[in-house]
Amino acid sequence: MRTIPEIQTDMKVLFEQIEGEDAIEEVNAEYVPYEAHMKSLLATENIEDYLLKYEEICQEDNAILEHYDIKDMDTLKTYIEENEVDILALHTQTVKATWEALKFLIYEAEDEEY
């Protein structure tokens, strides 16, 4: 599994590869809530706090980070329990999900440019 710093480096590279001023502005604007969610989830120290924060995000926002291709808190909780996922793996998955969201935002923004 890749580490958080490795994924964050990949994210920086993605930002550097965005073409077109409009695309850059659009990605930056749409990325803000994903980044905020990532930071708030990474600030949690245990799985219980993580799940509470994730549930709050799911109820309040559209910019939901998908973990393990799971889109809701109850299914995520079950997955964590059944697979004995620890907080470090969950944090790593959070950064990976943010990276995936960024890739999608860039694809959409650049597609609109053409």
N, C-alpha and C. Protein backbone atom coordinates (compact mmCIF):
# COMPACT_ATOMS: atom_id res chain seq x y z
N MET A 1 0.85 -1.17 0.00
CA MET A 1 0.00 0.00 0.00
C MET A 1 0.90 1.24 0.00
N ARG A 2 0.47 2.23 -0.78
CA ARG A 2 1.23 3.48 -0.84
C ARG A 2 1.03 4.27 0.46
N THR A 3 2.00 5.11 0.76
CA THR A 3 1.94 5.91 1.97
C THR A 3 1.25 7.24 1.71
N ILE A 4 0.85 7.90 2.79
CA ILE A 4 0.21 9.21 2.67
C ILE A 4 1.13 10.20 1.97
N PRO A 5 2.41 10.32 2.36
CA PRO A 5 3.29 11.27 1.65
C PRO A 5 3.43 10.97 0.15
N GLU A 6 3.45 9.70 -0.22
CA GLU A 6 3.55 9.34 -1.64
C GLU A 6 2.31 9.80 -2.40
N ILE A 7 1.15 9.60 -1.82
CA ILE A 7 -0.10 10.01 -2.47
C ILE A 7 -0.18 11.52 -2.55
N GLN A 8 0.26 12.21 -1.49
CA GLN A 8 0.25 13.68 -1.50
C GLN A 8 1.20 14.22 -2.56
N THR A 9 2.31 13.56 -2.78
CA THR A 9 3.23 13.95 -3.85
C THR A 9 2.55 13.78 -5.20
N ASP A 10 1.83 12.68 -5.38
CA ASP A 10 1.09 12.46 -6.62
C ASP A 10 0.04 13.56 -6.84
N MET A 11 -0.57 14.01 -5.76
CA MET A 11 -1.57 15.08 -5.87
C MET A 11 -0.91 16.38 -6.34
N LYS A 12 0.26 16.68 -5.81
CA LYS A 12 0.98 17.89 -6.23
C LYS A 12 1.32 17.82 -7.71
N VAL A 13 1.74 16.65 -8.15
CA VAL A 13 2.06 16.45 -9.57
C VAL A 13 0.82 16.66 -10.43
N LEU A 14 -0.32 16.15 -9.98
CA LEU A 14 -1.57 16.34 -10.72
C LEU A 14 -1.90 17.82 -10.86
N PHE A 15 -1.77 18.57 -9.77
CA PHE A 15 -2.04 20.01 -9.83
C PHE A 15 -1.13 20.70 -10.84
N GLU A 16 0.13 20.28 -10.88
CA GLU A 16 1.09 20.90 -11.80
C GLU A 16 0.79 20.58 -13.26
N GLN A 17 0.07 19.51 -13.51
CA GLN A 17 -0.20 19.08 -14.87
C GLN A 17 -1.50 19.64 -15.46
N ILE A 18 -2.25 20.38 -14.67
CA ILE A 18 -3.51 20.95 -15.16
C ILE A 18 -3.20 21.97 -16.24
N GLU A 19 -3.90 21.86 -17.35
CA GLU A 19 -3.68 22.77 -18.47
C GLU A 19 -4.86 23.72 -18.62
N GLY A 20 -4.54 24.98 -18.83
CA GLY A 20 -5.58 25.98 -19.06
C GLY A 20 -5.93 26.72 -17.78
N GLU A 21 -5.93 28.04 -17.86
CA GLU A 21 -6.19 28.86 -16.68
C GLU A 21 -7.59 28.63 -16.12
N ASP A 22 -8.58 28.50 -17.01
CA ASP A 22 -9.95 28.25 -16.54
C ASP A 22 -10.04 26.91 -15.81
N ALA A 23 -9.37 25.90 -16.35
CA ALA A 23 -9.37 24.58 -15.72
C ALA A 23 -8.72 24.64 -14.34
N ILE A 24 -7.63 25.36 -14.24
CA ILE A 24 -6.94 25.49 -12.95
C ILE A 24 -7.87 26.14 -11.93
N GLU A 25 -8.52 27.22 -12.32
CA GLU A 25 -9.43 27.92 -11.40
C GLU A 25 -10.60 27.02 -11.00
N GLU A 26 -11.16 26.30 -11.96
CA GLU A 26 -12.29 25.43 -11.67
C GLU A 26 -11.91 24.31 -10.72
N VAL A 27 -10.79 23.67 -10.98
CA VAL A 27 -10.34 22.56 -10.12
C VAL A 27 -10.06 23.09 -8.72
N ASN A 28 -9.36 24.21 -8.63
CA ASN A 28 -9.06 24.76 -7.31
C ASN A 28 -10.34 25.04 -6.53
N ALA A 29 -11.33 25.62 -7.18
CA ALA A 29 -12.59 25.96 -6.50
C ALA A 29 -13.35 24.70 -6.07
N GLU A 30 -13.42 23.71 -6.93
CA GLU A 30 -14.19 22.50 -6.62
C GLU A 30 -13.45 21.56 -5.67
N TYR A 31 -12.13 21.70 -5.60
CA TYR A 31 -11.32 20.84 -4.74
C TYR A 31 -11.39 21.26 -3.27
N VAL A 32 -11.71 22.51 -2.99
CA VAL A 32 -11.70 23.04 -1.63
C VAL A 32 -12.47 22.16 -0.64
N PRO A 33 -13.73 21.78 -0.90
CA PRO A 33 -14.43 20.96 0.10
C PRO A 33 -13.80 19.57 0.29
N TYR A 34 -13.28 18.98 -0.76
CA TYR A 34 -12.63 17.67 -0.63
C TYR A 34 -11.40 17.78 0.27
N GLU A 35 -10.62 18.82 0.04
CA GLU A 35 -9.42 19.02 0.85
C GLU A 35 -9.80 19.28 2.31
N ALA A 36 -10.84 20.08 2.53
CA ALA A 36 -11.29 20.36 3.89
C ALA A 36 -11.75 19.08 4.59
N HIS A 37 -12.48 18.25 3.87
CA HIS A 37 -12.93 16.98 4.45
C HIS A 37 -11.74 16.08 4.76
N MET A 38 -10.80 16.02 3.85
CA MET A 38 -9.62 15.20 4.07
C MET A 38 -8.90 15.65 5.34
N LYS A 39 -8.69 16.94 5.48
CA LYS A 39 -7.98 17.46 6.65
C LYS A 39 -8.73 17.17 7.94
N SER A 40 -10.05 17.32 7.92
CA SER A 40 -10.82 17.06 9.14
C SER A 40 -10.81 15.57 9.49
N LEU A 41 -10.83 14.71 8.50
CA LEU A 41 -10.77 13.27 8.75
C LEU A 41 -9.38 12.84 9.23
N LEU A 42 -8.35 13.46 8.66
CA LEU A 42 -6.99 13.12 9.09
C LEU A 42 -6.70 13.60 10.50
N ALA A 43 -7.46 14.57 10.97
CA ALA A 43 -7.27 15.10 12.32
C ALA A 43 -7.85 14.18 13.40
N THR A 44 -8.63 13.19 12.99
CA THR A 44 -9.20 12.27 13.97
C THR A 44 -8.13 11.31 14.47
N GLU A 45 -8.29 10.91 15.72
CA GLU A 45 -7.27 10.06 16.34
C GLU A 45 -7.71 8.61 16.52
N ASN A 46 -9.00 8.35 16.31
CA ASN A 46 -9.46 6.97 16.45
C ASN A 46 -10.63 6.73 15.49
N ILE A 47 -10.97 5.49 15.30
CA ILE A 47 -11.99 5.12 14.32
C ILE A 47 -13.36 5.67 14.69
N GLU A 48 -13.69 5.68 15.98
CA GLU A 48 -15.00 6.20 16.39
C GLU A 48 -15.15 7.67 16.00
N ASP A 49 -14.13 8.47 16.29
CA ASP A 49 -14.17 9.90 15.92
C ASP A 49 -14.20 10.06 14.39
N TYR A 50 -13.46 9.20 13.73
CA TYR A 50 -13.42 9.24 12.27
C TYR A 50 -14.82 9.01 11.70
N LEU A 51 -15.48 7.97 12.19
CA LEU A 51 -16.82 7.64 11.68
C LEU A 51 -17.83 8.73 11.98
N LEU A 52 -17.73 9.35 13.14
CA LEU A 52 -18.61 10.47 13.47
C LEU A 52 -18.40 11.64 12.51
N LYS A 53 -17.15 11.95 12.24
CA LYS A 53 -16.83 13.04 11.31
C LYS A 53 -17.30 12.68 9.89
N TYR A 54 -17.09 11.44 9.49
CA TYR A 54 -17.50 11.00 8.16
C TYR A 54 -19.01 11.07 8.01
N GLU A 55 -19.73 10.67 9.06
CA GLU A 55 -21.19 10.73 9.02
C GLU A 55 -21.65 12.19 8.88
N GLU A 56 -21.00 13.08 9.60
CA GLU A 56 -21.32 14.50 9.52
C GLU A 56 -21.11 15.02 8.09
N ILE A 57 -20.02 14.63 7.48
CA ILE A 57 -19.71 15.05 6.10
C ILE A 57 -20.79 14.51 5.15
N CYS A 58 -21.15 13.25 5.33
CA CYS A 58 -22.15 12.64 4.44
C CYS A 58 -23.50 13.35 4.53
N GLN A 59 -23.83 13.85 5.70
CA GLN A 59 -25.12 14.52 5.88
C GLN A 59 -25.11 15.96 5.40
N GLU A 60 -23.94 16.60 5.40
CA GLU A 60 -23.87 18.03 5.12
C GLU A 60 -23.44 18.40 3.72
N ASP A 61 -22.82 17.51 2.99
CA ASP A 61 -22.13 17.95 1.79
C ASP A 61 -22.25 16.95 0.65
N ASN A 62 -22.01 17.45 -0.56
CA ASN A 62 -21.95 16.59 -1.75
C ASN A 62 -20.54 16.06 -1.99
N ALA A 63 -19.55 16.74 -1.46
CA ALA A 63 -18.15 16.39 -1.71
C ALA A 63 -17.73 15.28 -0.76
N ILE A 64 -18.33 14.12 -0.94
CA ILE A 64 -18.08 12.99 -0.06
C ILE A 64 -16.94 12.16 -0.63
N LEU A 65 -15.98 11.85 0.21
CA LEU A 65 -14.86 11.02 -0.19
C LEU A 65 -15.29 9.56 -0.10
N GLU A 66 -15.13 8.84 -1.20
CA GLU A 66 -15.50 7.43 -1.22
C GLU A 66 -14.32 6.59 -0.78
N HIS A 67 -14.53 5.76 0.23
CA HIS A 67 -13.50 4.88 0.76
C HIS A 67 -13.81 3.45 0.32
N TYR A 68 -12.83 2.78 -0.23
CA TYR A 68 -13.01 1.40 -0.65
C TYR A 68 -14.25 1.25 -1.54
N ASP A 69 -14.52 2.26 -2.35
CA ASP A 69 -15.70 2.31 -3.23
C ASP A 69 -17.01 2.23 -2.45
N ILE A 70 -17.00 2.73 -1.23
CA ILE A 70 -18.18 2.76 -0.37
C ILE A 70 -18.63 4.21 -0.24
N LYS A 71 -19.95 4.43 -0.35
CA LYS A 71 -20.46 5.80 -0.39
C LYS A 71 -21.27 6.20 0.84
N ASP A 72 -21.38 5.35 1.84
CA ASP A 72 -22.16 5.75 3.01
C ASP A 72 -21.50 5.25 4.29
N MET A 73 -21.81 5.91 5.38
CA MET A 73 -21.15 5.66 6.66
C MET A 73 -21.44 4.28 7.22
N ASP A 74 -22.68 3.81 7.14
CA ASP A 74 -23.01 2.50 7.72
C ASP A 74 -22.25 1.37 7.04
N THR A 75 -22.18 1.42 5.73
CA THR A 75 -21.44 0.39 4.99
C THR A 75 -19.95 0.48 5.28
N LEU A 76 -19.45 1.71 5.40
CA LEU A 76 -18.03 1.90 5.74
C LEU A 76 -17.74 1.33 7.12
N LYS A 77 -18.60 1.59 8.07
CA LYS A 77 -18.41 1.07 9.43
C LYS A 77 -18.37 -0.45 9.42
N THR A 78 -19.29 -1.07 8.71
CA THR A 78 -19.31 -2.54 8.61
C THR A 78 -18.02 -3.05 7.97
N TYR A 79 -17.58 -2.40 6.91
CA TYR A 79 -16.35 -2.80 6.24
C TYR A 79 -15.16 -2.72 7.19
N ILE A 80 -15.07 -1.63 7.94
CA ILE A 80 -13.97 -1.44 8.89
C ILE A 80 -13.97 -2.55 9.93
N GLU A 81 -15.13 -2.86 10.46
CA GLU A 81 -15.24 -3.90 11.49
C GLU A 81 -14.90 -5.28 10.94
N GLU A 82 -15.44 -5.61 9.78
CA GLU A 82 -15.22 -6.94 9.20
C GLU A 82 -13.78 -7.16 8.76
N ASN A 83 -13.12 -6.08 8.32
CA ASN A 83 -11.76 -6.21 7.80
C ASN A 83 -10.70 -5.71 8.77
N GLU A 84 -11.13 -5.36 9.98
CA GLU A 84 -10.22 -4.90 11.03
C GLU A 84 -9.27 -3.81 10.53
N VAL A 85 -9.85 -2.79 9.92
CA VAL A 85 -9.09 -1.67 9.40
C VAL A 85 -8.67 -0.78 10.56
N ASP A 86 -7.38 -0.40 10.60
CA ASP A 86 -6.92 0.49 11.66
C ASP A 86 -6.96 1.94 11.18
N ILE A 87 -6.72 2.86 12.09
CA ILE A 87 -6.85 4.27 11.79
C ILE A 87 -5.82 4.73 10.74
N LEU A 88 -4.61 4.17 10.76
CA LEU A 88 -3.61 4.56 9.76
C LEU A 88 -4.07 4.15 8.36
N ALA A 89 -4.60 2.95 8.23
CA ALA A 89 -5.10 2.51 6.92
C ALA A 89 -6.27 3.37 6.48
N LEU A 90 -7.10 3.76 7.43
CA LEU A 90 -8.25 4.61 7.12
C LEU A 90 -7.79 6.00 6.68
N HIS A 91 -6.80 6.54 7.36
CA HIS A 91 -6.24 7.84 6.96
C HIS A 91 -5.61 7.76 5.57
N THR A 92 -4.90 6.68 5.32
CA THR A 92 -4.29 6.50 4.00
C THR A 92 -5.37 6.42 2.93
N GLN A 93 -6.43 5.70 3.21
CA GLN A 93 -7.53 5.59 2.26
C GLN A 93 -8.20 6.94 2.04
N THR A 94 -8.24 7.77 3.06
CA THR A 94 -8.81 9.11 2.96
C THR A 94 -8.01 9.95 1.95
N VAL A 95 -6.71 9.91 2.06
CA VAL A 95 -5.87 10.66 1.13
C VAL A 95 -6.01 10.10 -0.28
N LYS A 96 -6.08 8.78 -0.38
CA LYS A 96 -6.27 8.15 -1.69
C LYS A 96 -7.61 8.56 -2.30
N ALA A 97 -8.65 8.60 -1.50
CA ALA A 97 -9.97 9.01 -2.00
C ALA A 97 -9.95 10.47 -2.46
N THR A 98 -9.20 11.30 -1.75
CA THR A 98 -9.07 12.71 -2.13
C THR A 98 -8.31 12.83 -3.45
N TRP A 99 -7.30 12.01 -3.63
CA TRP A 99 -6.52 11.98 -4.87
C TRP A 99 -7.42 11.56 -6.03
N GLU A 100 -8.27 10.55 -5.79
CA GLU A 100 -9.20 10.10 -6.83
C GLU A 100 -10.19 11.21 -7.19
N ALA A 101 -10.69 11.93 -6.19
CA ALA A 101 -11.60 13.04 -6.44
C ALA A 101 -10.90 14.12 -7.26
N LEU A 102 -9.65 14.41 -6.93
CA LEU A 102 -8.88 15.41 -7.67
C LEU A 102 -8.70 15.00 -9.12
N LYS A 103 -8.37 13.74 -9.35
CA LYS A 103 -8.22 13.26 -10.73
C LYS A 103 -9.51 13.46 -11.52
N PHE A 104 -10.64 13.16 -10.90
CA PHE A 104 -11.93 13.32 -11.56
C PHE A 104 -12.21 14.79 -11.86
N LEU A 105 -11.95 15.67 -10.90
CA LEU A 105 -12.18 17.10 -11.10
C LEU A 105 -11.32 17.64 -12.25
N ILE A 106 -10.08 17.19 -12.32
CA ILE A 106 -9.19 17.64 -13.38
C ILE A 106 -9.70 17.14 -14.73
N TYR A 107 -10.09 15.88 -14.78
CA TYR A 107 -10.62 15.33 -16.03
C TYR A 107 -11.82 16.14 -16.51
N GLU A 108 -12.75 16.42 -15.60
CA GLU A 108 -13.95 17.20 -15.96
C GLU A 108 -13.59 18.60 -16.43
N ALA A 109 -12.69 19.26 -15.71
CA ALA A 109 -12.32 20.65 -16.04
C ALA A 109 -11.61 20.72 -17.38
N GLU A 110 -10.71 19.80 -17.63
CA GLU A 110 -9.98 19.82 -18.89
C GLU A 110 -10.88 19.40 -20.05
N ASP A 111 -11.81 18.51 -19.78
CA ASP A 111 -12.75 18.09 -20.82
C ASP A 111 -13.62 19.26 -21.26
N GLU A 112 -13.98 20.12 -20.33
CA GLU A 112 -14.79 21.30 -20.65
C GLU A 112 -14.00 22.32 -21.47
N GLU A 113 -12.68 22.29 -21.35
CA GLU A 113 -11.84 23.24 -22.09
C GLU A 113 -11.87 22.94 -23.60
N TYR A 114 -12.14 21.69 -23.96
CA TYR A 114 -12.06 21.30 -25.38
C TYR A 114 -13.40 21.13 -26.00
